[in-house]
Amino acid sequence: MRLGTVIGRVTLCQTIPALRGARWLLVSPFARGHFQQRTEPPAGLSREPSPVIYDDLGGGLGDTVGFVEGREAAMPFDRDTPVDAINVALVDDVFYSPLP
């Protein structure tokens, strides 16, 4: 699972029937530097690509979310569904204390 912040929503004009009415979020994934800055919430956008994730939990703009990618993202669906990333957690707080 990776963490990131929601930076936008995506609206589709066409979709397959299995995903009709689905919500999609644009997420800026956290990198190690986000945690080392010790700021809340992590400042700035990531330099990594921003994935579009399927959302069934109700994440909104500015929320911190946990998401998984790859084959695991399609596991919650009964039928084969072309989903590459899915929101699996709405995160309240992140505590980072590295070992000295």
Protein backbone atom coordinates (compact mmCIF):
# COMPACT_ATOMS: atom_id res chain seq x y z
CA MET A 1 0.00 0.00 0.00
CA ARG A 2 1.19 3.49 -0.84
CA LEU A 3 0.05 6.82 0.57
CA GLY A 4 -0.81 9.98 -1.32
CA THR A 5 -2.89 13.11 -1.25
CA VAL A 6 -5.93 13.66 -3.46
CA ILE A 7 -5.25 16.53 -5.86
CA GLY A 8 -8.31 16.23 -8.10
CA ARG A 9 -11.19 14.21 -9.49
CA VAL A 10 -11.51 12.63 -12.91
CA THR A 11 -14.72 12.52 -14.94
CA LEU A 12 -15.09 10.01 -17.77
CA CYS A 13 -17.36 10.53 -20.75
CA GLN A 14 -17.29 6.82 -21.69
CA THR A 15 -16.67 3.74 -19.61
CA ILE A 16 -17.27 0.01 -19.62
CA PRO A 17 -20.57 -1.13 -18.03
CA ALA A 18 -18.83 -2.65 -14.98
CA LEU A 19 -17.47 0.80 -14.03
CA ARG A 20 -20.54 2.91 -14.78
CA GLY A 21 -21.03 5.48 -12.02
CA ALA A 22 -17.58 4.90 -10.51
CA ARG A 23 -15.63 7.72 -8.87
CA TRP A 24 -12.03 8.38 -9.85
CA LEU A 25 -9.41 10.39 -7.95
CA LEU A 26 -6.12 11.93 -9.09
CA VAL A 27 -3.50 11.27 -6.39
CA SER A 28 -0.03 12.71 -5.77
CA PRO A 29 1.91 9.84 -4.13
CA PHE A 30 4.08 10.53 -1.09
CA ALA A 31 7.83 10.05 -1.37
CA ARG A 32 10.41 9.72 1.41
CA GLY A 33 11.02 13.47 1.31
CA HIS A 34 7.42 14.19 2.27
CA PHE A 35 7.87 12.39 5.58
CA GLN A 36 11.34 13.79 6.31
CA GLN A 37 10.12 17.41 6.04
CA ARG A 38 7.96 16.85 9.14
CA THR A 39 5.18 19.07 7.83
CA GLU A 40 1.45 18.39 8.05
CA PRO A 41 0.15 17.75 5.47
CA PRO A 42 3.10 16.92 3.22
CA ALA A 43 3.98 20.06 1.28
CA GLY A 44 4.16 20.14 -2.50
CA LEU A 45 3.38 17.68 -5.25
CA SER A 46 5.35 14.53 -5.81
CA ARG A 47 7.71 14.21 -8.76
CA GLU A 48 6.30 10.74 -9.36
CA PRO A 49 3.47 10.27 -11.86
CA SER A 50 0.02 10.91 -10.38
CA PRO A 51 -2.13 7.79 -10.74
CA VAL A 52 -5.88 7.83 -11.27
CA ILE A 53 -7.42 5.56 -8.65
CA TYR A 54 -10.86 4.00 -8.32
CA ASP A 55 -12.60 5.32 -5.20
CA ASP A 56 -15.44 3.59 -3.38
CA LEU A 57 -14.69 5.09 0.06
CA GLY A 58 -15.53 8.74 -0.57
CA GLY A 59 -12.12 10.40 -0.63
CA GLY A 60 -12.10 14.12 -1.36
CA LEU A 61 -9.75 16.90 -2.37
CA GLY A 62 -6.86 17.22 0.09
CA ASP A 63 -7.50 13.88 1.83
CA THR A 64 -4.68 11.45 2.52
CA VAL A 65 -5.49 8.06 1.05
CA GLY A 66 -3.91 4.62 0.99
CA PHE A 67 -3.99 2.90 -2.39
CA VAL A 68 -2.79 -0.32 -3.98
CA GLU A 69 -1.80 -0.86 -7.57
CA GLY A 70 -1.55 -3.79 -9.91
CA ARG A 71 -3.48 -7.06 -9.80
CA GLU A 72 -4.49 -6.50 -6.16
CA ALA A 73 -6.53 -3.47 -7.25
CA ALA A 74 -8.92 -5.68 -9.24
CA MET A 75 -9.43 -8.26 -6.46
CA PRO A 76 -12.50 -6.62 -4.81
CA PHE A 77 -14.55 -7.02 -8.01
CA ASP A 78 -16.54 -10.17 -8.78
CA ARG A 79 -15.67 -10.13 -12.48
CA ASP A 80 -12.45 -9.23 -14.29
CA THR A 81 -12.34 -5.43 -14.18
CA PRO A 82 -9.68 -3.22 -15.80
CA VAL A 83 -8.62 -1.28 -12.68
CA ASP A 84 -4.94 -0.47 -12.06
CA ALA A 85 -5.25 1.33 -8.70
CA ILE A 86 -7.88 1.42 -5.96
CA ASN A 87 -8.40 3.46 -2.80
CA VAL A 88 -8.24 1.11 0.21
CA ALA A 89 -7.94 3.54 3.14
CA LEU A 90 -8.80 7.06 4.24
CA VAL A 91 -5.88 8.10 6.47
CA ASP A 92 -6.43 10.45 9.43
CA ASP A 93 -2.84 10.91 10.64
CA VAL A 94 0.64 9.84 9.63
CA PHE A 95 3.31 9.58 12.33
CA TYR A 96 6.90 9.26 11.10
CA SER A 97 9.75 8.83 13.57
CA PRO A 98 12.86 7.35 11.93
CA LEU A 99 15.38 5.41 13.96
CA PRO A 100 18.44 7.47 15.01
